[in-house]
Amino acid sequence: MNSGPFDWSAVIEAIILVESEGNPKAMGGNSVGVLQITPIAVRECNYILKSRGSKKNYTLADRFDVAKSKEMFLLIQSKYNPSNDIEKAIRLWNGGPNYNPRATDRYYKKVLRRMK
């Protein structure tokens, strides 16, 4: 029996280690923060919020905020991974909603190693 929201903490912490080694100021191209969030992901989060009638809005600067980065991760999972599938969550974070399993394979295995 499911008693409350899914606990993504182990997955999020492993992704943070892979993406930035935990550095909230990490930058790689247009991806920044502990979860290496892109401007497109911020835009998608704001679109999801708006479609749900929320007045909340993320800014590009929010990507440097660890708590807000985790919120964005959870928001994207709530839309594209409602079944809380861990493998899908990891691949989705790496390759977007239409990820290619082969293209996200190395990333998936890397995150799994960090979860152990």
PDB file of N, CA and C in Angstrom:
ATOM      1  N   MET A   1       0.838  -1.197   0.000  1.00  0.00           N
ATOM      2  CA  MET A   1       0.000   0.000   0.000  1.00  0.00           C
ATOM      3  C   MET A   1       0.875   1.250   0.000  1.00  0.00           C
ATOM      4  N   ASN A   2       0.631   2.157  -0.893  1.00  0.00           N
ATOM      5  CA  ASN A   2       1.409   3.384  -0.986  1.00  0.00           C
ATOM      6  C   ASN A   2       0.919   4.398   0.043  1.00  0.00           C
ATOM      7  N   SER A   3       1.807   4.824   0.930  1.00  0.00           N
ATOM      8  CA  SER A   3       1.407   5.763   1.974  1.00  0.00           C
ATOM      9  C   SER A   3       2.096   7.101   1.761  1.00  0.00           C
ATOM     10  N   GLY A   4       1.681   7.815   0.741  1.00  0.00           N
ATOM     11  CA  GLY A   4       2.232   9.147   0.508  1.00  0.00           C
ATOM     12  C   GLY A   4       3.059   9.222  -0.749  1.00  0.00           C
ATOM     13  N   PRO A   5       3.705  10.366  -0.927  1.00  0.00           N
ATOM     14  CA  PRO A   5       4.467  10.584  -2.160  1.00  0.00           C
ATOM     15  C   PRO A   5       5.687   9.670  -2.254  1.00  0.00           C
ATOM     16  N   PHE A   6       6.091   9.399  -3.482  1.00  0.00           N
ATOM     17  CA  PHE A   6       7.257   8.560  -3.755  1.00  0.00           C
ATOM     18  C   PHE A   6       8.513   9.263  -3.252  1.00  0.00           C
ATOM     19  N   ASP A   7       9.434   8.527  -2.677  1.00  0.00           N
ATOM     20  CA  ASP A   7      10.674   9.105  -2.171  1.00  0.00           C
ATOM     21  C   ASP A   7      11.766   9.032  -3.246  1.00  0.00           C
ATOM     22  N   TRP A   8      12.009  10.172  -3.852  1.00  0.00           N
ATOM     23  CA  TRP A   8      12.999  10.261  -4.924  1.00  0.00           C
ATOM     24  C   TRP A   8      14.396  10.588  -4.406  1.00  0.00           C
ATOM     25  N   SER A   9      14.584  10.727  -3.096  1.00  0.00           N
ATOM     26  CA  SER A   9      15.854  11.255  -2.592  1.00  0.00           C
ATOM     27  C   SER A   9      17.085  10.471  -3.043  1.00  0.00           C
ATOM     28  N   ALA A  10      17.039   9.138  -3.044  1.00  0.00           N
ATOM     29  CA  ALA A  10      18.216   8.358  -3.461  1.00  0.00           C
ATOM     30  C   ALA A  10      18.543   8.610  -4.933  1.00  0.00           C
ATOM     31  N   VAL A  11      17.516   8.704  -5.763  1.00  0.00           N
ATOM     32  CA  VAL A  11      17.711   8.954  -7.201  1.00  0.00           C
ATOM     33  C   VAL A  11      18.262  10.365  -7.409  1.00  0.00           C
ATOM     34  N   ILE A  12      17.659  11.336  -6.747  1.00  0.00           N
ATOM     35  CA  ILE A  12      18.098  12.731  -6.899  1.00  0.00           C
ATOM     36  C   ILE A  12      19.543  12.884  -6.436  1.00  0.00           C
ATOM     37  N   GLU A  13      19.871  12.312  -5.286  1.00  0.00           N
ATOM     38  CA  GLU A  13      21.248  12.445  -4.771  1.00  0.00           C
ATOM     39  C   GLU A  13      22.260  11.804  -5.723  1.00  0.00           C
ATOM     40  N   ALA A  14      21.918  10.660  -6.308  1.00  0.00           N
ATOM     41  CA  ALA A  14      22.819  10.004  -7.259  1.00  0.00           C
ATOM     42  C   ALA A  14      22.980  10.851  -8.521  1.00  0.00           C
ATOM     43  N   ILE A  15      21.886  11.419  -9.017  1.00  0.00           N
ATOM     44  CA  ILE A  15      21.960  12.282 -10.203  1.00  0.00           C
ATOM     45  C   ILE A  15      22.808  13.515  -9.902  1.00  0.00           C
ATOM     46  N   ILE A  16      22.649  14.087  -8.705  1.00  0.00           N
ATOM     47  CA  ILE A  16      23.454  15.253  -8.319  1.00  0.00           C
ATOM     48  C   ILE A  16      24.943  14.899  -8.335  1.00  0.00           C
ATOM     49  N   LEU A  17      25.301  13.718  -7.832  1.00  0.00           N
ATOM     50  CA  LEU A  17      26.708  13.304  -7.841  1.00  0.00           C
ATOM     51  C   LEU A  17      27.229  13.173  -9.269  1.00  0.00           C
ATOM     52  N   VAL A  18      26.431  12.594 -10.148  1.00  0.00           N
ATOM     53  CA  VAL A  18      26.844  12.416 -11.543  1.00  0.00           C
ATOM     54  C   VAL A  18      26.923  13.767 -12.258  1.00  0.00           C
ATOM     55  N   GLU A  19      25.931  14.608 -12.045  1.00  0.00           N
ATOM     56  CA  GLU A  19      25.848  15.877 -12.781  1.00  0.00           C
ATOM     57  C   GLU A  19      26.854  16.927 -12.322  1.00  0.00           C
ATOM     58  N   SER A  20      27.062  17.051 -10.994  1.00  0.00           N
ATOM     59  CA  SER A  20      27.833  18.201 -10.500  1.00  0.00           C
ATOM     60  C   SER A  20      28.713  17.898  -9.299  1.00  0.00           C
ATOM     61  N   GLU A  21      28.761  16.631  -8.866  1.00  0.00           N
ATOM     62  CA  GLU A  21      29.468  16.271  -7.633  1.00  0.00           C
ATOM     63  C   GLU A  21      28.959  17.110  -6.455  1.00  0.00           C
ATOM     64  N   GLY A  22      27.705  17.590  -6.561  1.00  0.00           N
ATOM     65  CA  GLY A  22      27.095  18.341  -5.469  1.00  0.00           C
ATOM     66  C   GLY A  22      27.384  19.829  -5.447  1.00  0.00           C
ATOM     67  N   ASN A  23      27.998  20.349  -6.508  1.00  0.00           N
ATOM     68  CA  ASN A  23      28.349  21.768  -6.563  1.00  0.00           C
ATOM     69  C   ASN A  23      27.171  22.592  -7.107  1.00  0.00           C
ATOM     70  N   PRO A  24      26.537  23.425  -6.251  1.00  0.00           N
ATOM     71  CA  PRO A  24      25.393  24.223  -6.708  1.00  0.00           C
ATOM     72  C   PRO A  24      25.772  25.294  -7.728  1.00  0.00           C
ATOM     73  N   LYS A  25      27.069  25.588  -7.853  1.00  0.00           N
ATOM     74  CA  LYS A  25      27.513  26.604  -8.821  1.00  0.00           C
ATOM     75  C   LYS A  25      28.046  25.979 -10.106  1.00  0.00           C
ATOM     76  N   ALA A  26      27.893  24.661 -10.238  1.00  0.00           N
ATOM     77  CA  ALA A  26      28.414  23.954 -11.415  1.00  0.00           C
ATOM     78  C   ALA A  26      27.780  24.488 -12.697  1.00  0.00           C
ATOM     79  N   MET A  27      28.612  24.611 -13.735  1.00  0.00           N
ATOM     80  CA  MET A  27      28.127  25.078 -15.028  1.00  0.00           C
ATOM     81  C   MET A  27      28.723  24.208 -16.120  1.00  0.00           C
ATOM     82  N   GLY A  28      27.877  23.804 -17.063  1.00  0.00           N
ATOM     83  CA  GLY A  28      28.328  23.028 -18.208  1.00  0.00           C
ATOM     84  C   GLY A  28      27.485  23.434 -19.403  1.00  0.00           C
ATOM     85  N   GLY A  29      28.027  24.303 -20.237  1.00  0.00           N
ATOM     86  CA  GLY A  29      27.238  24.815 -21.360  1.00  0.00           C
ATOM     87  C   GLY A  29      26.059  25.617 -20.827  1.00  0.00           C
ATOM     88  N   ASN A  30      24.848  25.287 -21.278  1.00  0.00           N
ATOM     89  CA  ASN A  30      23.685  26.028 -20.784  1.00  0.00           C
ATOM     90  C   ASN A  30      23.016  25.303 -19.614  1.00  0.00           C
ATOM     91  N   SER A  31      23.664  24.268 -19.085  1.00  0.00           N
ATOM     92  CA  SER A  31      23.161  23.522 -17.925  1.00  0.00           C
ATOM     93  C   SER A  31      23.900  24.005 -16.687  1.00  0.00           C
ATOM     94  N   VAL A  32      23.140  24.314 -15.621  1.00  0.00           N
ATOM     95  CA  VAL A  32      23.785  24.816 -14.405  1.00  0.00           C
ATOM     96  C   VAL A  32      23.160  24.217 -13.151  1.00  0.00           C
ATOM     97  N   GLY A  33      23.877  24.368 -12.039  1.00  0.00           N
ATOM     98  CA  GLY A  33      23.399  23.934 -10.734  1.00  0.00           C
ATOM     99  C   GLY A  33      23.675  22.466 -10.461  1.00  0.00           C
ATOM    100  N   VAL A  34      23.239  22.001  -9.284  1.00  0.00           N
ATOM    101  CA  VAL A  34      23.525  20.619  -8.877  1.00  0.00           C
ATOM    102  C   VAL A  34      22.931  19.593  -9.824  1.00  0.00           C
ATOM    103  N   LEU A  35      21.787  19.923 -10.429  1.00  0.00           N
ATOM    104  CA  LEU A  35      21.135  18.973 -11.340  1.00  0.00           C
ATOM    105  C   LEU A  35      21.352  19.334 -12.808  1.00  0.00           C
ATOM    106  N   GLN A  36      22.204  20.331 -13.063  1.00  0.00           N
ATOM    107  CA  GLN A  36      22.534  20.734 -14.437  1.00  0.00           C
ATOM    108  C   GLN A  36      21.264  20.959 -15.266  1.00  0.00           C
ATOM    109  N   ILE A  37      20.455  21.913 -14.818  1.00  0.00           N
ATOM    110  CA  ILE A  37      19.166  22.214 -15.449  1.00  0.00           C
ATOM    111  C   ILE A  37      19.354  23.210 -16.586  1.00  0.00           C
ATOM    112  N   THR A  38      18.712  22.935 -17.703  1.00  0.00           N
ATOM    113  CA  THR A  38      18.782  23.800 -18.884  1.00  0.00           C
ATOM    114  C   THR A  38      17.649  24.825 -18.867  1.00  0.00           C
ATOM    115  N   PRO A  39      17.807  25.905 -19.654  1.00  0.00           N
ATOM    116  CA  PRO A  39      16.705  26.870 -19.781  1.00  0.00           C
ATOM    117  C   PRO A  39      15.422  26.203 -20.307  1.00  0.00           C
ATOM    118  N   ILE A  40      15.555  25.229 -21.191  1.00  0.00           N
ATOM    119  CA  ILE A  40      14.380  24.530 -21.732  1.00  0.00           C
ATOM    120  C   ILE A  40      13.632  23.808 -20.608  1.00  0.00           C
ATOM    121  N   ALA A  41      14.357  23.197 -19.677  1.00  0.00           N
ATOM    122  CA  ALA A  41      13.716  22.501 -18.560  1.00  0.00           C
ATOM    123  C   ALA A  41      12.971  23.486 -17.657  1.00  0.00           C
ATOM    124  N   VAL A  42      13.551  24.667 -17.442  1.00  0.00           N
ATOM    125  CA  VAL A  42      12.873  25.699 -16.633  1.00  0.00           C
ATOM    126  C   VAL A  42      11.577  26.113 -17.320  1.00  0.00           C
ATOM    127  N   ARG A  43      11.656  26.328 -18.625  1.00  0.00           N
ATOM    128  CA  ARG A  43      10.471  26.710 -19.396  1.00  0.00           C
ATOM    129  C   ARG A  43       9.397  25.625 -19.305  1.00  0.00           C
ATOM    130  N   GLU A  44       9.814  24.370 -19.403  1.00  0.00           N
ATOM    131  CA  GLU A  44       8.880  23.248 -19.305  1.00  0.00           C
ATOM    132  C   GLU A  44       8.221  23.212 -17.926  1.00  0.00           C
ATOM    133  N   CYS A  45       9.002  23.433 -16.874  1.00  0.00           N
ATOM    134  CA  CYS A  45       8.439  23.456 -15.516  1.00  0.00           C
ATOM    135  C   CYS A  45       7.381  24.553 -15.392  1.00  0.00           C
ATOM    136  N   ASN A  46       7.678  25.723 -15.926  1.00  0.00           N
ATOM    137  CA  ASN A  46       6.718  26.829 -15.857  1.00  0.00           C
ATOM    138  C   ASN A  46       5.461  26.520 -16.664  1.00  0.00           C
ATOM    139  N   TYR A  47       5.624  25.830 -17.774  1.00  0.00           N
ATOM    140  CA  TYR A  47       4.476  25.416 -18.582  1.00  0.00           C
ATOM    141  C   TYR A  47       3.599  24.425 -17.795  1.00  0.00           C
ATOM    142  N   ILE A  48       4.245  23.459 -17.134  1.00  0.00           N
ATOM    143  CA  ILE A  48       3.509  22.472 -16.326  1.00  0.00           C
ATOM    144  C   ILE A  48       2.747  23.189 -15.212  1.00  0.00           C
ATOM    145  N   LEU A  49       3.429  24.092 -14.525  1.00  0.00           N
ATOM    146  CA  LEU A  49       2.782  24.832 -13.435  1.00  0.00           C
ATOM    147  C   LEU A  49       1.572  25.609 -13.943  1.00  0.00           C
ATOM    148  N   LYS A  50       1.755  26.316 -15.052  1.00  0.00           N
ATOM    149  CA  LYS A  50       0.662  27.112 -15.618  1.00  0.00           C
ATOM    150  C   LYS A  50      -0.517  26.220 -16.005  1.00  0.00           C
ATOM    151  N   SER A  51      -0.212  25.069 -16.615  1.00  0.00           N
ATOM    152  CA  SER A  51      -1.278  24.156 -17.045  1.00  0.00           C
ATOM    153  C   SER A  51      -2.047  23.579 -15.853  1.00  0.00           C
ATOM    154  N   ARG A  52      -1.422  23.613 -14.680  1.00  0.00           N
ATOM    155  CA  ARG A  52      -2.074  23.114 -13.459  1.00  0.00           C
ATOM    156  C   ARG A  52      -2.711  24.254 -12.657  1.00  0.00           C
ATOM    157  N   GLY A  53      -2.714  25.450 -13.239  1.00  0.00           N
ATOM    158  CA  GLY A  53      -3.347  26.585 -12.580  1.00  0.00           C
ATOM    159  C   GLY A  53      -2.517  27.227 -11.481  1.00  0.00           C
ATOM    160  N   SER A  54      -1.230  26.936 -11.455  1.00  0.00           N
ATOM    161  CA  SER A  54      -0.362  27.503 -10.422  1.00  0.00           C
ATOM    162  C   SER A  54       0.151  28.879 -10.844  1.00  0.00           C
ATOM    163  N   LYS A  55       0.340  29.746  -9.870  1.00  0.00           N
ATOM    164  CA  LYS A  55       0.907  31.075 -10.131  1.00  0.00           C
ATOM    165  C   LYS A  55       2.430  31.045  -9.969  1.00  0.00           C
ATOM    166  N   LYS A  56       2.948  29.931  -9.484  1.00  0.00           N
ATOM    167  CA  LYS A  56       4.390  29.800  -9.266  1.00  0.00           C
ATOM    168  C   LYS A  56       5.119  29.850 -10.599  1.00  0.00           C
ATOM    169  N   ASN A  57       6.336  30.389 -10.580  1.00  0.00           N
ATOM    170  CA  ASN A  57       7.139  30.507 -11.795  1.00  0.00           C
ATOM    171  C   ASN A  57       8.612  30.399 -11.414  1.00  0.00           C
ATOM    172  N   TYR A  58       9.350  29.563 -12.119  1.00  0.00           N
ATOM    173  CA  TYR A  58      10.791  29.446 -11.869  1.00  0.00           C
ATOM    174  C   TYR A  58      11.555  30.398 -12.771  1.00  0.00           C
ATOM    175  N   THR A  59      12.687  30.873 -12.273  1.00  0.00           N
ATOM    176  CA  THR A  59      13.579  31.725 -13.067  1.00  0.00           C
ATOM    177  C   THR A  59      14.835  30.920 -13.398  1.00  0.00           C
ATOM    178  N   LEU A  60      15.632  31.420 -14.336  1.00  0.00           N
ATOM    179  CA  LEU A  60      16.893  30.743 -14.658  1.00  0.00           C
ATOM    180  C   LEU A  60      17.807  30.726 -13.441  1.00  0.00           C
ATOM    181  N   ALA A  61      17.743  31.759 -12.603  1.00  0.00           N
ATOM    182  CA  ALA A  61      18.580  31.813 -11.396  1.00  0.00           C
ATOM    183  C   ALA A  61      18.217  30.712 -10.401  1.00  0.00           C
ATOM    184  N   ASP A  62      16.965  30.247 -10.429  1.00  0.00           N
ATOM    185  CA  ASP A  62      16.528  29.190  -9.510  1.00  0.00           C
ATOM    186  C   ASP A  62      17.299  27.891  -9.717  1.00  0.00           C
ATOM    187  N   ARG A  63      17.938  27.741 -10.869  1.00  0.00           N
ATOM    188  CA  ARG A  63      18.707  26.524 -11.138  1.00  0.00           C
ATOM    189  C   ARG A  63      19.905  26.396 -10.199  1.00  0.00           C
ATOM    190  N   PHE A  64      20.345  27.522  -9.613  1.00  0.00           N
ATOM    191  CA  PHE A  64      21.475  27.500  -8.672  1.00  0.00           C
ATOM    192  C   PHE A  64      21.018  27.197  -7.241  1.00  0.00           C
ATOM    193  N   ASP A  65      19.713  27.157  -7.017  1.00  0.00           N
ATOM    194  CA  ASP A  65      19.133  26.874  -5.702  1.00  0.00           C
ATOM    195  C   ASP A  65      18.856  25.364  -5.623  1.00  0.00           C
ATOM    196  N   VAL A  66      19.512  24.687  -4.698  1.00  0.00           N
ATOM    197  CA  VAL A  66      19.402  23.224  -4.616  1.00  0.00           C
ATOM    198  C   VAL A  66      17.956  22.788  -4.391  1.00  0.00           C
ATOM    199  N   ALA A  67      17.259  23.437  -3.468  1.00  0.00           N
ATOM    200  CA  ALA A  67      15.870  23.046  -3.161  1.00  0.00           C
ATOM    201  C   ALA A  67      14.967  23.257  -4.378  1.00  0.00           C
ATOM    202  N   LYS A  68      15.129  24.387  -5.060  1.00  0.00           N
ATOM    203  CA  LYS A  68      14.291  24.656  -6.233  1.00  0.00           C
ATOM    204  C   LYS A  68      14.649  23.722  -7.380  1.00  0.00           C
ATOM    205  N   SER A  69      15.908  23.360  -7.503  1.00  0.00           N
ATOM    206  CA  SER A  69      16.320  22.399  -8.534  1.00  0.00           C
ATOM    207  C   SER A  69      15.627  21.065  -8.306  1.00  0.00           C
ATOM    208  N   LYS A  70      15.590  20.622  -7.049  1.00  0.00           N
ATOM    209  CA  LYS A  70      14.925  19.358  -6.716  1.00  0.00           C
ATOM    210  C   LYS A  70      13.424  19.455  -7.005  1.00  0.00           C
ATOM    211  N   GLU A  71      12.819  20.614  -6.713  1.00  0.00           N
ATOM    212  CA  GLU A  71      11.398  20.811  -7.019  1.00  0.00           C
ATOM    213  C   GLU A  71      11.151  20.657  -8.518  1.00  0.00           C
ATOM    214  N   MET A  72      12.048  21.227  -9.326  1.00  0.00           N
ATOM    215  CA  MET A  72      11.892  21.134 -10.786  1.00  0.00           C
ATOM    216  C   MET A  72      12.013  19.683 -11.246  1.00  0.00           C
ATOM    217  N   PHE A  73      12.955  18.937 -10.660  1.00  0.00           N
ATOM    218  CA  PHE A  73      13.092  17.520 -10.985  1.00  0.00           C
ATOM    219  C   PHE A  73      11.770  16.796 -10.699  1.00  0.00           C
ATOM    220  N   LEU A  74      11.212  17.029  -9.513  1.00  0.00           N
ATOM    221  CA  LEU A  74       9.964  16.358  -9.107  1.00  0.00           C
ATOM    222  C   LEU A  74       8.798  16.753 -10.000  1.00  0.00           C
ATOM    223  N   LEU A  75       8.762  18.019 -10.392  1.00  0.00           N
ATOM    224  CA  LEU A  75       7.682  18.505 -11.259  1.00  0.00           C
ATOM    225  C   LEU A  75       7.729  17.794 -12.618  1.00  0.00           C
ATOM    226  N   ILE A  76       8.917  17.689 -13.182  1.00  0.00           N
ATOM    227  CA  ILE A  76       9.070  17.013 -14.477  1.00  0.00           C
ATOM    228  C   ILE A  76       8.703  15.532 -14.344  1.00  0.00           C
ATOM    229  N   GLN A  77       9.106  14.902 -13.244  1.00  0.00           N
ATOM    230  CA  GLN A  77       8.742  13.495 -13.039  1.00  0.00           C
ATOM    231  C   GLN A  77       7.228  13.346 -12.908  1.00  0.00           C
ATOM    232  N   SER A  78       6.581  14.279 -12.217  1.00  0.00           N
ATOM    233  CA  SER A  78       5.132  14.172 -12.003  1.00  0.00           C
ATOM    234  C   SER A  78       4.372  14.211 -13.321  1.00  0.00           C
ATOM    235  N   LYS A  79       4.919  14.935 -14.309  1.00  0.00           N
ATOM    236  CA  LYS A  79       4.240  15.005 -15.606  1.00  0.00           C
ATOM    237  C   LYS A  79       4.605  13.828 -16.515  1.00  0.00           C
ATOM    238  N   TYR A  80       5.886  13.546 -16.660  1.00  0.00           N
ATOM    239  CA  TYR A  80       6.342  12.574 -17.654  1.00  0.00           C
ATOM    240  C   TYR A  80       6.568  11.167 -17.113  1.00  0.00           C
ATOM    241  N   ASN A  81       6.534  11.011 -15.781  1.00  0.00           N
ATOM    242  CA  ASN A  81       6.796   9.706 -15.177  1.00  0.00           C
ATOM    243  C   ASN A  81       5.851   9.489 -13.987  1.00  0.00           C
ATOM    244  N   PRO A  82       4.525   9.546 -14.233  1.00  0.00           N
ATOM    245  CA  PRO A  82       3.575   9.418 -13.116  1.00  0.00           C
ATOM    246  C   PRO A  82       3.625   8.065 -12.413  1.00  0.00           C
ATOM    247  N   SER A  83       4.190   7.053 -13.073  1.00  0.00           N
ATOM    248  CA  SER A  83       4.283   5.733 -12.442  1.00  0.00           C
ATOM    249  C   SER A  83       5.504   5.624 -11.522  1.00  0.00           C
ATOM    250  N   ASN A  84       6.300   6.700 -11.421  1.00  0.00           N
ATOM    251  CA  ASN A  84       7.495   6.728 -10.566  1.00  0.00           C
ATOM    252  C   ASN A  84       8.470   5.601 -10.880  1.00  0.00           C
ATOM    253  N   ASP A  85       8.703   5.371 -12.156  1.00  0.00           N
ATOM    254  CA  ASP A  85       9.647   4.351 -12.616  1.00  0.00           C
ATOM    255  C   ASP A  85      11.062   4.942 -12.520  1.00  0.00           C
ATOM    256  N   ILE A  86      11.902   4.317 -11.705  1.00  0.00           N
ATOM    257  CA  ILE A  86      13.249   4.852 -11.461  1.00  0.00           C
ATOM    258  C   ILE A  86      14.088   4.880 -12.734  1.00  0.00           C
ATOM    259  N   GLU A  87      14.066   3.814 -13.501  1.00  0.00           N
ATOM    260  CA  GLU A  87      14.847   3.797 -14.751  1.00  0.00           C
ATOM    261  C   GLU A  87      14.370   4.904 -15.678  1.00  0.00           C
ATOM    262  N   LYS A  88      13.069   5.037 -15.830  1.00  0.00           N
ATOM    263  CA  LYS A  88      12.519   6.085 -16.692  1.00  0.00           C
ATOM    264  C   LYS A  88      12.913   7.466 -16.178  1.00  0.00           C
ATOM    265  N   ALA A  89      12.886   7.650 -14.860  1.00  0.00           N
ATOM    266  CA  ALA A  89      13.238   8.945 -14.258  1.00  0.00           C
ATOM    267  C   ALA A  89      14.655   9.358 -14.630  1.00  0.00           C
ATOM    268  N   ILE A  90      15.580   8.416 -14.537  1.00  0.00           N
ATOM    269  CA  ILE A  90      16.987   8.708 -14.811  1.00  0.00           C
ATOM    270  C   ILE A  90      17.187   9.002 -16.297  1.00  0.00           C
ATOM    271  N   ARG A  91      16.622   8.169 -17.140  1.00  0.00           N
ATOM    272  CA  ARG A  91      16.776   8.368 -18.586  1.00  0.00           C
ATOM    273  C   ARG A  91      16.084   9.654 -19.042  1.00  0.00           C
ATOM    274  N   LEU A  92      14.929   9.942 -18.477  1.00  0.00           N
ATOM    275  CA  LEU A  92      14.184  11.159 -18.788  1.00  0.00           C
ATOM    276  C   LEU A  92      14.996  12.398 -18.416  1.00  0.00           C
ATOM    277  N   TRP A  93      15.660  12.346 -17.263  1.00  0.00           N
ATOM    278  CA  TRP A  93      16.457  13.502 -16.821  1.00  0.00           C
ATOM    279  C   TRP A  93      17.617  13.753 -17.776  1.00  0.00           C
ATOM    280  N   ASN A  94      18.153  12.693 -18.337  1.00  0.00           N
ATOM    281  CA  ASN A  94      19.294  12.811 -19.240  1.00  0.00           C
ATOM    282  C   ASN A  94      18.882  13.143 -20.669  1.00  0.00           C
ATOM    283  N   GLY A  95      17.820  12.516 -21.160  1.00  0.00           N
ATOM    284  CA  GLY A  95      17.482  12.637 -22.575  1.00  0.00           C
ATOM    285  C   GLY A  95      16.181  13.349 -22.888  1.00  0.00           C
ATOM    286  N   GLY A  96      15.486  13.840 -21.866  1.00  0.00           N
ATOM    287  CA  GLY A  96      14.224  14.523 -22.111  1.00  0.00           C
ATOM    288  C   GLY A  96      13.072  13.548 -22.283  1.00  0.00           C
ATOM    289  N   PRO A  97      11.860  14.090 -22.443  1.00  0.00           N
ATOM    290  CA  PRO A  97      10.659  13.247 -22.511  1.00  0.00           C
ATOM    291  C   PRO A  97      10.676  12.203 -23.620  1.00  0.00           C
ATOM    292  N   ASN A  98      11.348  12.475 -24.722  1.00  0.00           N
ATOM    293  CA  ASN A  98      11.406  11.516 -25.832  1.00  0.00           C
ATOM    294  C   ASN A  98      12.783  10.857 -25.920  1.00  0.00           C
ATOM    295  N   TYR A  99      13.338  10.532 -24.750  1.00  0.00           N
ATOM    296  CA  TYR A  99      14.701   9.984 -24.708  1.00  0.00           C
ATOM    297  C   TYR A  99      14.837   8.704 -25.525  1.00  0.00           C
ATOM    298  N   ASN A 100      16.058   8.486 -25.995  1.00  0.00           N
ATOM    299  CA  ASN A 100      16.423   7.273 -26.709  1.00  0.00           C
ATOM    300  C   ASN A 100      17.118   6.354 -25.692  1.00  0.00           C
ATOM    301  N   PRO A 101      16.573   5.156 -25.443  1.00  0.00           N
ATOM    302  CA  PRO A 101      17.185   4.278 -24.443  1.00  0.00           C
ATOM    303  C   PRO A 101      18.673   4.009 -24.684  1.00  0.00           C
ATOM    304  N   ARG A 102      19.055   3.818 -25.932  1.00  0.00           N
ATOM    305  CA  ARG A 102      20.463   3.540 -26.206  1.00  0.00           C
ATOM    306  C   ARG A 102      21.329   4.764 -25.909  1.00  0.00           C
ATOM    307  N   ALA A 103      20.826   5.930 -26.251  1.00  0.00           N
ATOM    308  CA  ALA A 103      21.590   7.160 -26.042  1.00  0.00           C
ATOM    309  C   ALA A 103      21.722   7.515 -24.557  1.00  0.00           C
ATOM    310  N   THR A 104      20.827   7.017 -23.725  1.00  0.00           N
ATOM    311  CA  THR A 104      20.867   7.345 -22.294  1.00  0.00           C
ATOM    312  C   THR A 104      21.439   6.204 -21.453  1.00  0.00           C
ATOM    313  N   ASP A 105      21.921   5.157 -22.098  1.00  0.00           N
ATOM    314  CA  ASP A 105      22.368   3.966 -21.389  1.00  0.00           C
ATOM    315  C   ASP A 105      23.571   4.207 -20.473  1.00  0.00           C
ATOM    316  N   ARG A 106      24.592   4.875 -20.989  1.00  0.00           N
ATOM    317  CA  ARG A 106      25.786   5.124 -20.166  1.00  0.00           C
ATOM    318  C   ARG A 106      25.424   5.953 -18.941  1.00  0.00           C
ATOM    319  N   TYR A 107      24.608   6.989 -19.168  1.00  0.00           N
ATOM    320  CA  TYR A 107      24.183   7.865 -18.078  1.00  0.00           C
ATOM    321  C   TYR A 107      23.399   7.069 -17.031  1.00  0.00           C
ATOM    322  N   TYR A 108      22.466   6.253 -17.492  1.00  0.00           N
ATOM    323  CA  TYR A 108      21.647   5.434 -16.597  1.00  0.00           C
ATOM    324  C   TYR A 108      22.527   4.557 -15.707  1.00  0.00           C
ATOM    325  N   LYS A 109      23.502   3.882 -16.313  1.00  0.00           N
ATOM    326  CA  LYS A 109      24.390   2.989 -15.560  1.00  0.00           C
ATOM    327  C   LYS A 109      25.256   3.764 -14.572  1.00  0.00           C
ATOM    328  N   LYS A 110      25.687   4.957 -14.971  1.00  0.00           N
ATOM    329  CA  LYS A 110      26.506   5.814 -14.110  1.00  0.00           C
ATOM    330  C   LYS A 110      25.717   6.216 -12.860  1.00  0.00           C
ATOM    331  N   VAL A 111      24.453   6.621 -13.057  1.00  0.00           N
ATOM    332  CA  VAL A 111      23.609   7.012 -11.918  1.00  0.00           C
ATOM    333  C   VAL A 111      23.351   5.816 -11.013  1.00  0.00           C
ATOM    334  N   LEU A 112      23.062   4.659 -11.600  1.00  0.00           N
ATOM    335  CA  LEU A 112      22.819   3.456 -10.794  1.00  0.00           C
ATOM    336  C   LEU A 112      24.026   3.144  -9.906  1.00  0.00           C
ATOM    337  N   ARG A 113      25.237   3.278 -10.448  1.00  0.00           N
ATOM    338  CA  ARG A 113      26.449   3.013  -9.666  1.00  0.00           C
ATOM    339  C   ARG A 113      26.524   3.953  -8.458  1.00  0.00           C
ATOM    340  N   ARG A 114      26.102   5.196  -8.633  1.00  0.00           N
ATOM    341  CA  ARG A 114      26.130   6.176  -7.542  1.00  0.00           C
ATOM    342  C   ARG A 114      25.036   5.925  -6.511  1.00  0.00           C
ATOM    343  N   MET A 115      24.026   5.147  -6.869  1.00  0.00           N
ATOM    344  CA  MET A 115      22.942   4.847  -5.927  1.00  0.00           C
ATOM    345  C   MET A 115      23.294   3.704  -4.976  1.00  0.00           C
ATOM    346  N   LYS A 116      24.296   2.930  -5.303  1.00  0.00           N
ATOM    347  CA  LYS A 116      24.649   1.746  -4.508  1.00  0.00           C
ATOM    348  C   LYS A 116      25.337   2.150  -3.205  1.00  0.00           C
TER     349      LYS A 116
END
